[in-house]
Amino acid sequence: MKQRWFVYMLRCSDNSLYTGITTDIQRRIKEHNGEKSVTRYTRVRQPVILVYQEYALTRSEATRRELQIKSMTKEEKEELVVNYRH
């Protein structure tokens, strides 16, 4: 069975958005909110909440999409979040 990949965005406590990829979103959110957060960026901006996710077929596809999202303006990212349907 192929591993499922997801691209996700988190809303940080300072209202910034963090974008990443993972195969397990719930685990990853717990890591971001943990005492020893996996990223320096979210470590100082806790708590974080999931505001967007999308499925990717491969890690390569997820990475490409992550880079696309990271290159967007804040307004474009916020539009993705607003239009996201859980």
PDB file of N, CA and C in Angstrom:
ATOM      1  N   MET A   1       0.838  -1.189   0.000  1.00  0.00           N
ATOM      2  CA  MET A   1       0.000   0.000   0.000  1.00  0.00           C
ATOM      3  C   MET A   1       0.881   1.250   0.000  1.00  0.00           C
ATOM      4  N   LYS A   2       0.551   2.202  -0.864  1.00  0.00           N
ATOM      5  CA  LYS A   2       1.308   3.449  -0.930  1.00  0.00           C
ATOM      6  C   LYS A   2       1.008   4.319   0.277  1.00  0.00           C
ATOM      7  N   GLN A   3       2.022   5.054   0.708  1.00  0.00           N
ATOM      8  CA  GLN A   3       1.857   5.969   1.817  1.00  0.00           C
ATOM      9  C   GLN A   3       1.113   7.217   1.339  1.00  0.00           C
ATOM     10  N   ARG A   4       0.177   7.683   2.118  1.00  0.00           N
ATOM     11  CA  ARG A   4      -0.578   8.891   1.786  1.00  0.00           C
ATOM     12  C   ARG A   4       0.157  10.114   2.304  1.00  0.00           C
ATOM     13  N   TRP A   5       0.205  11.143   1.495  1.00  0.00           N
ATOM     14  CA  TRP A   5       0.852  12.395   1.879  1.00  0.00           C
ATOM     15  C   TRP A   5      -0.175  13.517   1.925  1.00  0.00           C
ATOM     16  N   PHE A   6       0.074  14.454   2.801  1.00  0.00           N
ATOM     17  CA  PHE A   6      -0.804  15.610   2.941  1.00  0.00           C
ATOM     18  C   PHE A   6       0.038  16.881   2.998  1.00  0.00           C
ATOM     19  N   VAL A   7      -0.510  17.922   2.412  1.00  0.00           N
ATOM     20  CA  VAL A   7       0.030  19.268   2.563  1.00  0.00           C
ATOM     21  C   VAL A   7      -0.918  19.943   3.557  1.00  0.00           C
ATOM     22  N   TYR A   8      -0.368  20.664   4.525  1.00  0.00           N
ATOM     23  CA  TYR A   8      -1.228  21.256   5.548  1.00  0.00           C
ATOM     24  C   TYR A   8      -0.765  22.664   5.886  1.00  0.00           C
ATOM     25  N   MET A   9      -1.701  23.447   6.416  1.00  0.00           N
ATOM     26  CA  MET A   9      -1.378  24.769   6.947  1.00  0.00           C
ATOM     27  C   MET A   9      -1.899  24.856   8.372  1.00  0.00           C
ATOM     28  N   LEU A  10      -1.084  25.443   9.213  1.00  0.00           N
ATOM     29  CA  LEU A  10      -1.441  25.667  10.603  1.00  0.00           C
ATOM     30  C   LEU A  10      -1.563  27.163  10.859  1.00  0.00           C
ATOM     31  N   ARG A  11      -2.535  27.531  11.684  1.00  0.00           N
ATOM     32  CA  ARG A  11      -2.647  28.907  12.153  1.00  0.00           C
ATOM     33  C   ARG A  11      -1.910  28.963  13.477  1.00  0.00           C
ATOM     34  N   CYS A  12      -0.922  29.844  13.554  1.00  0.00           N
ATOM     35  CA  CYS A  12      -0.128  29.988  14.768  1.00  0.00           C
ATOM     36  C   CYS A  12      -0.761  31.038  15.684  1.00  0.00           C
ATOM     37  N   SER A  13      -0.307  31.084  16.924  1.00  0.00           N
ATOM     38  CA  SER A  13      -0.882  32.001  17.915  1.00  0.00           C
ATOM     39  C   SER A  13      -0.710  33.465  17.525  1.00  0.00           C
ATOM     40  N   ASP A  14       0.257  33.786  16.676  1.00  0.00           N
ATOM     41  CA  ASP A  14       0.448  35.174  16.221  1.00  0.00           C
ATOM     42  C   ASP A  14      -0.298  35.455  14.915  1.00  0.00           C
ATOM     43  N   ASN A  15      -1.194  34.542  14.528  1.00  0.00           N
ATOM     44  CA  ASN A  15      -2.019  34.622  13.318  1.00  0.00           C
ATOM     45  C   ASN A  15      -1.243  34.351  12.028  1.00  0.00           C
ATOM     46  N   SER A  16       0.013  33.959  12.118  1.00  0.00           N
ATOM     47  CA  SER A  16       0.763  33.591  10.916  1.00  0.00           C
ATOM     48  C   SER A  16       0.343  32.188  10.493  1.00  0.00           C
ATOM     49  N   LEU A  17       0.704  31.824   9.267  1.00  0.00           N
ATOM     50  CA  LEU A  17       0.395  30.501   8.737  1.00  0.00           C
ATOM     51  C   LEU A  17       1.685  29.740   8.482  1.00  0.00           C
ATOM     52  N   TYR A  18       1.706  28.490   8.892  1.00  0.00           N
ATOM     53  CA  TYR A  18       2.844  27.605   8.681  1.00  0.00           C
ATOM     54  C   TYR A  18       2.389  26.504   7.736  1.00  0.00           C
ATOM     55  N   THR A  19       3.181  26.200   6.717  1.00  0.00           N
ATOM     56  CA  THR A  19       2.850  25.165   5.742  1.00  0.00           C
ATOM     57  C   THR A  19       3.856  24.029   5.812  1.00  0.00           C
ATOM     58  N   GLY A  20       3.365  22.801   5.743  1.00  0.00           N
ATOM     59  CA  GLY A  20       4.257  21.645   5.765  1.00  0.00           C
ATOM     60  C   GLY A  20       3.616  20.448   5.085  1.00  0.00           C
ATOM     61  N   ILE A  21       4.347  19.328   5.092  1.00  0.00           N
ATOM     62  CA  ILE A  21       3.834  18.063   4.555  1.00  0.00           C
ATOM     63  C   ILE A  21       4.024  16.970   5.602  1.00  0.00           C
ATOM     64  N   THR A  22       3.191  15.959   5.517  1.00  0.00           N
ATOM     65  CA  THR A  22       3.270  14.850   6.460  1.00  0.00           C
ATOM     66  C   THR A  22       2.466  13.669   5.938  1.00  0.00           C
ATOM     67  N   THR A  23       2.661  12.520   6.563  1.00  0.00           N
ATOM     68  CA  THR A  23       1.826  11.354   6.285  1.00  0.00           C
ATOM     69  C   THR A  23       0.806  11.146   7.403  1.00  0.00           C
ATOM     70  N   ASP A  24       0.952  11.883   8.521  1.00  0.00           N
ATOM     71  CA  ASP A  24       0.065  11.734   9.671  1.00  0.00           C
ATOM     72  C   ASP A  24      -0.186  13.115  10.280  1.00  0.00           C
ATOM     73  N   ILE A  25      -1.283  13.722   9.900  1.00  0.00           N
ATOM     74  CA  ILE A  25      -1.558  15.099  10.312  1.00  0.00           C
ATOM     75  C   ILE A  25      -1.735  15.225  11.818  1.00  0.00           C
ATOM     76  N   GLN A  26      -2.497  14.335  12.435  1.00  0.00           N
ATOM     77  CA  GLN A  26      -2.742  14.444  13.875  1.00  0.00           C
ATOM     78  C   GLN A  26      -1.439  14.348  14.675  1.00  0.00           C
ATOM     79  N   ARG A  27      -0.589  13.414  14.299  1.00  0.00           N
ATOM     80  CA  ARG A  27       0.715  13.284  14.974  1.00  0.00           C
ATOM     81  C   ARG A  27       1.520  14.562  14.791  1.00  0.00           C
ATOM     82  N   ARG A  28       1.505  15.084  13.577  1.00  0.00           N
ATOM     83  CA  ARG A  28       2.313  16.259  13.268  1.00  0.00           C
ATOM     84  C   ARG A  28       1.847  17.487  14.050  1.00  0.00           C
ATOM     85  N   ILE A  29       0.542  17.660  14.194  1.00  0.00           N
ATOM     86  CA  ILE A  29       0.030  18.789  14.974  1.00  0.00           C
ATOM     87  C   ILE A  29       0.472  18.665  16.425  1.00  0.00           C
ATOM     88  N   LYS A  30       0.389  17.456  16.969  1.00  0.00           N
ATOM     89  CA  LYS A  30       0.854  17.238  18.349  1.00  0.00           C
ATOM     90  C   LYS A  30       2.336  17.581  18.473  1.00  0.00           C
ATOM     91  N   GLU A  31       3.125  17.223  17.466  1.00  0.00           N
ATOM     92  CA  GLU A  31       4.552  17.555  17.489  1.00  0.00           C
ATOM     93  C   GLU A  31       4.762  19.070  17.451  1.00  0.00           C
ATOM     94  N   HIS A  32       4.006  19.748  16.613  1.00  0.00           N
ATOM     95  CA  HIS A  32       4.129  21.211  16.526  1.00  0.00           C
ATOM     96  C   HIS A  32       3.730  21.895  17.829  1.00  0.00           C
ATOM     97  N   ASN A  33       2.772  21.323  18.545  1.00  0.00           N
ATOM     98  CA  ASN A  33       2.310  21.907  19.799  1.00  0.00           C
ATOM     99  C   ASN A  33       3.070  21.382  21.012  1.00  0.00           C
ATOM    100  N   GLY A  34       4.007  20.488  20.791  1.00  0.00           N
ATOM    101  CA  GLY A  34       4.737  19.887  21.899  1.00  0.00           C
ATOM    102  C   GLY A  34       5.763  20.822  22.533  1.00  0.00           C
ATOM    103  N   GLU A  35       6.200  20.423  23.713  1.00  0.00           N
ATOM    104  CA  GLU A  35       7.196  21.203  24.449  1.00  0.00           C
ATOM    105  C   GLU A  35       8.478  21.373  23.648  1.00  0.00           C
ATOM    106  N   LYS A  36       8.833  20.330  22.918  1.00  0.00           N
ATOM    107  CA  LYS A  36      10.018  20.382  22.055  1.00  0.00           C
ATOM    108  C   LYS A  36       9.541  20.318  20.613  1.00  0.00           C
ATOM    109  N   SER A  37       8.852  21.384  20.193  1.00  0.00           N
ATOM    110  CA  SER A  37       8.276  21.429  18.855  1.00  0.00           C
ATOM    111  C   SER A  37       9.312  21.076  17.802  1.00  0.00           C
ATOM    112  N   VAL A  38       8.853  20.416  16.750  1.00  0.00           N
ATOM    113  CA  VAL A  38       9.745  19.944  15.695  1.00  0.00           C
ATOM    114  C   VAL A  38      10.303  21.074  14.836  1.00  0.00           C
ATOM    115  N   THR A  39       9.682  22.246  14.887  1.00  0.00           N
ATOM    116  CA  THR A  39      10.203  23.378  14.119  1.00  0.00           C
ATOM    117  C   THR A  39      10.387  24.580  15.025  1.00  0.00           C
ATOM    118  N   ARG A  40      11.430  25.309  14.783  1.00  0.00           N
ATOM    119  CA  ARG A  40      11.701  26.519  15.551  1.00  0.00           C
ATOM    120  C   ARG A  40      10.565  27.523  15.354  1.00  0.00           C
ATOM    121  N   TYR A  41      10.043  27.581  14.123  1.00  0.00           N
ATOM    122  CA  TYR A  41       8.989  28.545  13.806  1.00  0.00           C
ATOM    123  C   TYR A  41       7.767  28.348  14.699  1.00  0.00           C
ATOM    124  N   THR A  42       7.264  27.117  14.785  1.00  0.00           N
ATOM    125  CA  THR A  42       6.049  26.896  15.579  1.00  0.00           C
ATOM    126  C   THR A  42       6.334  26.808  17.076  1.00  0.00           C
ATOM    127  N   ARG A  43       7.542  26.505  17.453  1.00  0.00           N
ATOM    128  CA  ARG A  43       7.890  26.371  18.874  1.00  0.00           C
ATOM    129  C   ARG A  43       7.553  27.640  19.644  1.00  0.00           C
ATOM    130  N   VAL A  44       7.810  28.795  19.036  1.00  0.00           N
ATOM    131  CA  VAL A  44       7.579  30.069  19.722  1.00  0.00           C
ATOM    132  C   VAL A  44       6.223  30.678  19.363  1.00  0.00           C
ATOM    133  N   ARG A  45       5.404  29.953  18.601  1.00  0.00           N
ATOM    134  CA  ARG A  45       4.103  30.468  18.168  1.00  0.00           C
ATOM    135  C   ARG A  45       2.969  29.516  18.539  1.00  0.00           C
ATOM    136  N   GLN A  46       3.131  28.781  19.617  1.00  0.00           N
ATOM    137  CA  GLN A  46       2.112  27.829  20.055  1.00  0.00           C
ATOM    138  C   GLN A  46       1.015  28.560  20.817  1.00  0.00           C
ATOM    139  N   PRO A  47      -0.194  28.032  20.825  1.00  0.00           N
ATOM    140  CA  PRO A  47      -0.598  26.805  20.151  1.00  0.00           C
ATOM    141  C   PRO A  47      -0.873  27.045  18.667  1.00  0.00           C
ATOM    142  N   VAL A  48      -0.843  25.956  17.922  1.00  0.00           N
ATOM    143  CA  VAL A  48      -1.174  26.007  16.500  1.00  0.00           C
ATOM    144  C   VAL A  48      -2.412  25.147  16.261  1.00  0.00           C
ATOM    145  N   ILE A  49      -3.199  25.523  15.252  1.00  0.00           N
ATOM    146  CA  ILE A  49      -4.373  24.727  14.892  1.00  0.00           C
ATOM    147  C   ILE A  49      -4.363  24.483  13.386  1.00  0.00           C
ATOM    148  N   LEU A  50      -4.882  23.346  13.000  1.00  0.00           N
ATOM    149  CA  LEU A  50      -4.976  22.988  11.595  1.00  0.00           C
ATOM    150  C   LEU A  50      -6.086  23.808  10.938  1.00  0.00           C
ATOM    151  N   VAL A  51      -5.745  24.493   9.826  1.00  0.00           N
ATOM    152  CA  VAL A  51      -6.749  25.293   9.126  1.00  0.00           C
ATOM    153  C   VAL A  51      -6.909  24.879   7.673  1.00  0.00           C
ATOM    154  N   TYR A  52      -6.029  24.012   7.178  1.00  0.00           N
ATOM    155  CA  TYR A  52      -6.103  23.606   5.771  1.00  0.00           C
ATOM    156  C   TYR A  52      -5.312  22.319   5.584  1.00  0.00           C
ATOM    157  N   GLN A  53      -5.853  21.440   4.734  1.00  0.00           N
ATOM    158  CA  GLN A  53      -5.113  20.243   4.343  1.00  0.00           C
ATOM    159  C   GLN A  53      -5.580  19.796   2.972  1.00  0.00           C
ATOM    160  N   GLU A  54      -4.683  19.183   2.238  1.00  0.00           N
ATOM    161  CA  GLU A  54      -5.042  18.579   0.959  1.00  0.00           C
ATOM    162  C   GLU A  54      -4.201  17.339   0.762  1.00  0.00           C
ATOM    163  N   TYR A  55      -4.763  16.395   0.040  1.00  0.00           N
ATOM    164  CA  TYR A  55      -4.145  15.099  -0.213  1.00  0.00           C
ATOM    165  C   TYR A  55      -3.180  15.195  -1.387  1.00  0.00           C
ATOM    166  N   ALA A  56      -2.080  14.482  -1.304  1.00  0.00           N
ATOM    167  CA  ALA A  56      -1.119  14.374  -2.408  1.00  0.00           C
ATOM    168  C   ALA A  56      -0.826  12.891  -2.634  1.00  0.00           C
ATOM    169  N   LEU A  57      -0.654  12.513  -3.880  1.00  0.00           N
ATOM    170  CA  LEU A  57      -0.424  11.105  -4.213  1.00  0.00           C
ATOM    171  C   LEU A  57       0.965  10.617  -3.815  1.00  0.00           C
ATOM    172  N   THR A  58       1.962  11.507  -3.895  1.00  0.00           N
ATOM    173  CA  THR A  58       3.342  11.127  -3.587  1.00  0.00           C
ATOM    174  C   THR A  58       4.012  12.217  -2.764  1.00  0.00           C
ATOM    175  N   ARG A  59       5.149  11.874  -2.170  1.00  0.00           N
ATOM    176  CA  ARG A  59       5.917  12.873  -1.434  1.00  0.00           C
ATOM    177  C   ARG A  59       6.369  13.997  -2.364  1.00  0.00           C
ATOM    178  N   SER A  60       6.755  13.625  -3.570  1.00  0.00           N
ATOM    179  CA  SER A  60       7.189  14.606  -4.548  1.00  0.00           C
ATOM    180  C   SER A  60       6.077  15.603  -4.863  1.00  0.00           C
ATOM    181  N   GLU A  61       4.880  15.096  -5.074  1.00  0.00           N
ATOM    182  CA  GLU A  61       3.727  15.963  -5.350  1.00  0.00           C
ATOM    183  C   GLU A  61       3.441  16.867  -4.154  1.00  0.00           C
ATOM    184  N   ALA A  62       3.514  16.311  -2.952  1.00  0.00           N
ATOM    185  CA  ALA A  62       3.275  17.091  -1.739  1.00  0.00           C
ATOM    186  C   ALA A  62       4.310  18.206  -1.598  1.00  0.00           C
ATOM    187  N   THR A  63       5.558  17.884  -1.872  1.00  0.00           N
ATOM    188  CA  THR A  63       6.628  18.879  -1.761  1.00  0.00           C
ATOM    189  C   THR A  63       6.444  20.005  -2.776  1.00  0.00           C
ATOM    190  N   ARG A  64       6.076  19.639  -4.004  1.00  0.00           N
ATOM    191  CA  ARG A  64       5.823  20.667  -5.024  1.00  0.00           C
ATOM    192  C   ARG A  64       4.695  21.598  -4.599  1.00  0.00           C
ATOM    193  N   ARG A  65       3.621  21.016  -4.082  1.00  0.00           N
ATOM    194  CA  ARG A  65       2.483  21.838  -3.657  1.00  0.00           C
ATOM    195  C   ARG A  65       2.844  22.688  -2.447  1.00  0.00           C
ATOM    196  N   GLU A  66       3.613  22.136  -1.528  1.00  0.00           N
ATOM    197  CA  GLU A  66       4.064  22.898  -0.365  1.00  0.00           C
ATOM    198  C   GLU A  66       4.832  24.139  -0.827  1.00  0.00           C
ATOM    199  N   LEU A  67       5.724  23.960  -1.779  1.00  0.00           N
ATOM    200  CA  LEU A  67       6.504  25.095  -2.285  1.00  0.00           C
ATOM    201  C   LEU A  67       5.616  26.113  -2.990  1.00  0.00           C
ATOM    202  N   GLN A  68       4.596  25.632  -3.713  1.00  0.00           N
ATOM    203  CA  GLN A  68       3.647  26.554  -4.350  1.00  0.00           C
ATOM    204  C   GLN A  68       2.941  27.403  -3.300  1.00  0.00           C
ATOM    205  N   ILE A  69       2.453  26.756  -2.266  1.00  0.00           N
ATOM    206  CA  ILE A  69       1.738  27.480  -1.208  1.00  0.00           C
ATOM    207  C   ILE A  69       2.672  28.451  -0.494  1.00  0.00           C
ATOM    208  N   LYS A  70       3.882  28.013  -0.195  1.00  0.00           N
ATOM    209  CA  LYS A  70       4.831  28.889   0.493  1.00  0.00           C
ATOM    210  C   LYS A  70       5.180  30.125  -0.330  1.00  0.00           C
ATOM    211  N   SER A  71       5.061  30.020  -1.651  1.00  0.00           N
ATOM    212  CA  SER A  71       5.382  31.171  -2.496  1.00  0.00           C
ATOM    213  C   SER A  71       4.196  32.132  -2.654  1.00  0.00           C
ATOM    214  N   MET A  72       3.030  31.750  -2.142  1.00  0.00           N
ATOM    215  CA  MET A  72       1.852  32.607  -2.228  1.00  0.00           C
ATOM    216  C   MET A  72       1.963  33.772  -1.249  1.00  0.00           C
ATOM    217  N   THR A  73       1.203  34.817  -1.538  1.00  0.00           N
ATOM    218  CA  THR A  73       1.099  35.924  -0.589  1.00  0.00           C
ATOM    219  C   THR A  73       0.240  35.478   0.590  1.00  0.00           C
ATOM    220  N   LYS A  74       0.300  36.221   1.666  1.00  0.00           N
ATOM    221  CA  LYS A  74      -0.528  35.919   2.847  1.00  0.00           C
ATOM    222  C   LYS A  74      -2.006  35.943   2.452  1.00  0.00           C
ATOM    223  N   GLU A  75      -2.383  36.899   1.615  1.00  0.00           N
ATOM    224  CA  GLU A  75      -3.778  37.007   1.185  1.00  0.00           C
ATOM    225  C   GLU A  75      -4.213  35.766   0.399  1.00  0.00           C
ATOM    226  N   GLU A  76      -3.355  35.270  -0.470  1.00  0.00           N
ATOM    227  CA  GLU A  76      -3.680  34.067  -1.237  1.00  0.00           C
ATOM    228  C   GLU A  76      -3.809  32.850  -0.322  1.00  0.00           C
ATOM    229  N   LYS A  77      -2.938  32.761   0.670  1.00  0.00           N
ATOM    230  CA  LYS A  77      -3.028  31.655   1.625  1.00  0.00           C
ATOM    231  C   LYS A  77      -4.327  31.745   2.426  1.00  0.00           C
ATOM    232  N   GLU A  78      -4.670  32.968   2.842  1.00  0.00           N
ATOM    233  CA  GLU A  78      -5.905  33.155   3.611  1.00  0.00           C
ATOM    234  C   GLU A  78      -7.119  32.775   2.772  1.00  0.00           C
ATOM    235  N   GLU A  79      -7.062  33.022   1.477  1.00  0.00           N
ATOM    236  CA  GLU A  79      -8.155  32.632   0.588  1.00  0.00           C
ATOM    237  C   GLU A  79      -8.303  31.111   0.548  1.00  0.00           C
ATOM    238  N   LEU A  80      -7.181  30.387   0.501  1.00  0.00           N
ATOM    239  CA  LEU A  80      -7.240  28.921   0.563  1.00  0.00           C
ATOM    240  C   LEU A  80      -7.934  28.466   1.847  1.00  0.00           C
ATOM    241  N   VAL A  81      -7.569  29.101   2.960  1.00  0.00           N
ATOM    242  CA  VAL A  81      -8.134  28.731   4.259  1.00  0.00           C
ATOM    243  C   VAL A  81      -9.627  29.008   4.281  1.00  0.00           C
ATOM    244  N   VAL A  82     -10.033  30.190   3.826  1.00  0.00           N
ATOM    245  CA  VAL A  82     -11.447  30.568   3.831  1.00  0.00           C
ATOM    246  C   VAL A  82     -12.272  29.623   2.979  1.00  0.00           C
ATOM    247  N   ASN A  83     -11.738  29.214   1.845  1.00  0.00           N
ATOM    248  CA  ASN A  83     -12.485  28.352   0.929  1.00  0.00           C
ATOM    249  C   ASN A  83     -12.344  26.857   1.232  1.00  0.00           C
ATOM    250  N   TYR A  84     -11.562  26.512   2.243  1.00  0.00           N
ATOM    251  CA  TYR A  84     -11.344  25.114   2.613  1.00  0.00           C
ATOM    252  C   TYR A  84     -12.599  24.521   3.231  1.00  0.00           C
ATOM    253  N   ARG A  85     -12.963  23.355   2.739  1.00  0.00           N
ATOM    254  CA  ARG A  85     -14.103  22.623   3.297  1.00  0.00           C
ATOM    255  C   ARG A  85     -13.561  21.363   3.979  1.00  0.00           C
ATOM    256  N   HIS A  86     -13.826  21.272   5.268  1.00  0.00           N
ATOM    257  CA  HIS A  86     -13.314  20.163   6.085  1.00  0.00           C
ATOM    258  C   HIS A  86     -13.858  18.847   5.653  1.00  0.00           C
TER     259      HIS A  86
END
